[in-house]
Amino acid sequence: MSKNNKHNEEEEVILTNEQPAEESPATEAPATEEEVLDEQGELEKKLAEAAEKISILEDKYLRQAAEFDNYRKRTLKEKAEIIKNGGERVIESILPVLDDFERALTTMQKNEEAAIYLTAVELIYSKFVKILEQNGLKKIEAKDQAFDTDYHEAIAMVPTPDESLKGKVLDCVQTGYTLNDKVIRHAKVAVGE
């Protein structure tokens, strides 16, 4: 054999031993039933995992949406409370002035010389109380009411001969007030025992 023939044979052998990069579908061996079942099982497993993951993510989403909705409602409620009771400190600081006003009126009613000023002071007092009431301030009624720790603060227990007065407020030493149904000062009272 000549060198050229030998070289051509080697090239031919090399060419016949090389396989194409992609196999054509016609040359693939048909999949066995077992391989098909294995592949189907894998796909079903992946599908189940994906469904579980979707379920977990959906649950997380629903929980976060509910938490956000609760947060939004809570902040709106807190904001409304702040707006509603925003002047609480101011009104609390005015209450001693209101007490002094009431004491002055009581004194003026007893003093004949001050009677000429009484009408003017009563007008100013009623206007002042009206403005406070428009802003949500209400007086806590205490006298002859059943003692209630939510509204009253007992500063004295007074013996009473009448059984019907036990547990009732006999005297109010300092008036209590609520602001928008929230107690800002308890009424200081004497209770029958």
Protein backbone atom coordinates (compact mmCIF):
# COMPACT_ATOMS: atom_id res chain seq x y z
CA MET A 1 0.00 0.00 0.00
CA SER A 2 1.15 3.38 -0.75
CA LYS A 3 1.36 6.14 1.75
CA ASN A 4 -1.56 7.99 0.20
CA ASN A 5 -3.84 4.98 0.36
CA LYS A 6 -2.89 4.35 3.95
CA HIS A 7 -3.52 7.99 4.86
CA ASN A 8 -6.92 7.92 3.06
CA GLU A 9 -7.91 4.77 4.89
CA GLU A 10 -7.05 6.35 8.23
CA GLU A 11 -9.11 9.43 7.35
CA GLU A 12 -11.97 7.21 6.36
CA VAL A 13 -11.76 5.29 9.61
CA ILE A 14 -11.63 8.52 11.58
CA LEU A 15 -14.59 9.88 9.66
CA THR A 16 -16.65 6.75 10.18
CA ASN A 17 -15.83 6.66 13.94
CA GLU A 18 -16.88 10.27 14.47
CA GLN A 19 -20.44 10.74 15.55
CA PRO A 20 -22.42 13.77 14.65
CA ALA A 21 -22.91 16.40 17.39
CA GLU A 22 -26.64 15.92 17.37
CA GLU A 23 -28.27 12.63 16.87
CA SER A 24 -31.16 12.60 14.56
CA PRO A 25 -34.46 11.46 16.01
CA ALA A 26 -34.59 8.63 13.57
CA THR A 27 -31.41 7.10 15.00
CA GLU A 28 -32.53 7.32 18.70
CA ALA A 29 -33.47 4.12 20.31
CA PRO A 30 -37.10 3.99 21.36
CA ALA A 31 -37.62 4.61 25.12
CA THR A 32 -38.66 1.66 27.10
CA GLU A 33 -41.88 1.63 29.08
CA GLU A 34 -39.89 1.72 32.32
CA GLU A 35 -38.02 4.87 31.24
CA VAL A 36 -41.28 6.55 30.29
CA LEU A 37 -42.79 5.71 33.69
CA ASP A 38 -39.68 7.01 35.48
CA GLU A 39 -39.80 10.25 33.50
CA GLN A 40 -43.54 10.60 34.16
CA GLY A 41 -42.94 10.00 37.90
CA GLU A 42 -40.26 12.70 37.95
CA LEU A 43 -42.57 15.15 36.21
CA GLU A 44 -45.40 14.39 38.65
CA LYS A 45 -42.98 14.88 41.57
CA LYS A 46 -41.85 18.24 40.19
CA LEU A 47 -45.47 19.24 39.64
CA ALA A 48 -46.37 18.32 43.24
CA GLU A 49 -43.37 20.30 44.54
CA ALA A 50 -44.39 23.31 42.45
CA ALA A 51 -48.00 23.07 43.68
CA GLU A 52 -46.79 22.90 47.29
CA LYS A 53 -44.52 25.89 46.74
CA ILE A 54 -47.41 27.85 45.21
CA SER A 55 -49.61 26.94 48.17
CA ILE A 56 -46.96 28.14 50.65
CA LEU A 57 -46.41 31.39 48.76
CA GLU A 58 -50.16 31.97 48.46
CA ASP A 59 -50.55 31.42 52.22
CA LYS A 60 -47.69 33.88 52.91
CA TYR A 61 -49.28 36.42 50.61
CA LEU A 62 -52.69 36.12 52.26
CA ARG A 63 -51.16 36.44 55.74
CA GLN A 64 -49.16 39.52 54.76
CA ALA A 65 -52.21 41.08 53.12
CA ALA A 66 -54.24 40.46 56.29
CA GLU A 67 -51.44 41.85 58.50
CA PHE A 68 -51.22 44.96 56.34
CA ASP A 69 -54.98 45.44 56.43
CA ASN A 70 -54.94 45.13 60.25
CA TYR A 71 -52.04 47.58 60.43
CA ARG A 72 -53.89 50.06 58.21
CA LYS A 73 -57.06 49.81 60.31
CA ARG A 74 -55.11 50.15 63.57
CA THR A 75 -53.23 53.24 62.38
CA LEU A 76 -56.44 54.86 61.14
CA LYS A 77 -58.06 54.20 64.51
CA GLU A 78 -55.04 55.57 66.39
CA LYS A 79 -54.98 58.64 64.15
CA ALA A 80 -58.69 59.24 64.80
CA GLU A 81 -58.06 58.87 68.57
CA ILE A 82 -55.20 61.37 68.43
CA ILE A 83 -57.34 63.86 66.55
CA LYS A 84 -60.30 63.27 68.86
CA ASN A 85 -58.33 63.59 72.09
CA GLY A 86 -55.57 65.88 70.83
CA GLY A 87 -56.52 68.67 73.22
CA GLU A 88 -56.62 66.41 76.28
CA ARG A 89 -53.54 67.94 77.91
CA VAL A 90 -54.77 71.46 77.32
CA ILE A 91 -58.18 70.70 78.77
CA GLU A 92 -56.62 68.89 81.76
CA SER A 93 -54.56 71.99 82.48
CA ILE A 94 -57.71 74.17 82.29
CA LEU A 95 -59.68 72.06 84.80
CA PRO A 96 -58.16 73.76 87.91
CA VAL A 97 -59.23 77.13 86.45
CA LEU A 98 -62.75 75.74 86.00
CA ASP A 99 -62.69 74.59 89.66
CA ASP A 100 -61.62 78.07 90.77
CA PHE A 101 -64.39 79.58 88.67
CA GLU A 102 -66.98 77.37 90.40
CA ARG A 103 -65.62 78.28 93.86
CA ALA A 104 -65.72 81.99 92.96
CA LEU A 105 -69.34 81.67 91.86
CA THR A 106 -70.27 79.91 95.11
CA THR A 107 -68.56 82.64 97.13
CA MET A 108 -70.19 85.44 95.11
CA GLN A 109 -73.63 83.91 95.64
CA LYS A 110 -73.10 84.09 99.42
CA ASN A 111 -71.70 87.64 99.40
CA GLU A 112 -74.28 90.41 98.91
CA GLU A 113 -71.67 92.99 97.90
CA ALA A 114 -70.50 90.79 95.00
CA ALA A 115 -74.06 90.19 93.78
CA ILE A 116 -73.74 92.97 91.20
CA TYR A 117 -70.87 91.09 89.53
CA LEU A 118 -72.50 87.68 89.87
CA THR A 119 -74.54 87.87 86.65
CA ALA A 120 -71.52 88.85 84.55
CA VAL A 121 -69.35 86.10 86.04
CA GLU A 122 -72.13 83.52 85.57
CA LEU A 123 -72.38 84.49 81.88
CA ILE A 124 -68.61 84.13 81.42
CA TYR A 125 -68.65 80.80 83.29
CA SER A 126 -71.53 79.37 81.22
CA LYS A 127 -69.82 80.43 77.98
CA PHE A 128 -66.57 78.82 79.14
CA VAL A 129 -68.34 75.55 80.06
CA LYS A 130 -70.24 75.55 76.76
CA ILE A 131 -66.99 75.82 74.77
CA LEU A 132 -65.45 72.95 76.76
CA GLU A 133 -68.56 70.81 76.22
CA GLN A 134 -68.41 71.48 72.47
CA ASN A 135 -64.90 70.04 72.57
CA GLY A 136 -66.11 66.84 74.24
CA LEU A 137 -65.75 67.64 77.96
CA LYS A 138 -68.51 66.31 80.23
CA LYS A 139 -68.93 66.55 83.97
CA ILE A 140 -69.14 63.23 85.84
CA GLU A 141 -72.31 63.18 87.90
CA ALA A 142 -71.41 61.83 91.32
CA LYS A 143 -73.79 63.00 94.05
CA ASP A 144 -76.29 60.27 95.09
CA GLN A 145 -74.89 57.90 92.43
CA ALA A 146 -73.67 54.37 93.14
CA PHE A 147 -69.90 54.37 93.73
CA ASP A 148 -68.11 53.34 90.52
CA THR A 149 -64.32 53.00 90.48
CA ASP A 150 -64.30 53.76 86.75
CA TYR A 151 -65.50 57.30 87.46
CA HIS A 152 -65.05 57.95 91.18
CA GLU A 153 -62.11 58.07 93.55
CA ALA A 154 -63.10 57.50 97.18
CA ILE A 155 -61.23 59.82 99.52
CA ALA A 156 -63.42 59.16 102.58
CA MET A 157 -65.81 56.53 103.89
CA VAL A 158 -68.64 58.10 105.91
CA PRO A 159 -70.83 56.03 108.26
CA THR A 160 -74.48 56.36 107.35
CA PRO A 161 -77.53 55.51 109.45
CA ASP A 162 -79.62 54.71 106.38
CA GLU A 163 -78.97 51.36 104.65
CA SER A 164 -80.05 52.76 101.27
CA LEU A 165 -77.07 55.17 101.28
CA LYS A 166 -74.41 52.46 101.68
CA GLY A 167 -72.15 52.31 98.64
CA LYS A 168 -73.50 55.60 97.30
CA VAL A 169 -71.69 58.89 96.84
CA LEU A 170 -72.67 61.23 99.67
CA ASP A 171 -70.52 64.21 98.76
CA CYS A 172 -68.32 65.25 95.83
CA VAL A 173 -65.14 67.03 96.93
CA GLN A 174 -63.74 67.56 93.42
CA THR A 175 -65.69 67.26 90.18
CA GLY A 176 -64.56 64.63 87.70
CA TYR A 177 -64.61 64.99 83.92
CA THR A 178 -64.62 62.86 80.79
CA LEU A 179 -63.29 63.92 77.42
CA ASN A 180 -65.00 62.11 74.55
CA ASP A 181 -66.10 59.36 76.98
CA LYS A 182 -62.56 58.91 78.33
CA VAL A 183 -62.06 59.77 82.00
CA ILE A 184 -59.45 62.49 82.30
CA ARG A 185 -60.07 63.20 85.99
CA HIS A 186 -61.91 60.99 88.47
CA ALA A 187 -64.43 62.62 90.78
CA LYS A 188 -63.11 62.71 94.36
CA VAL A 189 -65.98 61.59 96.56
CA ALA A 190 -67.08 60.59 100.06
CA VAL A 191 -68.85 57.23 100.07
CA GLY A 192 -71.43 55.95 102.58
CA GLU A 193 -70.59 52.79 104.49
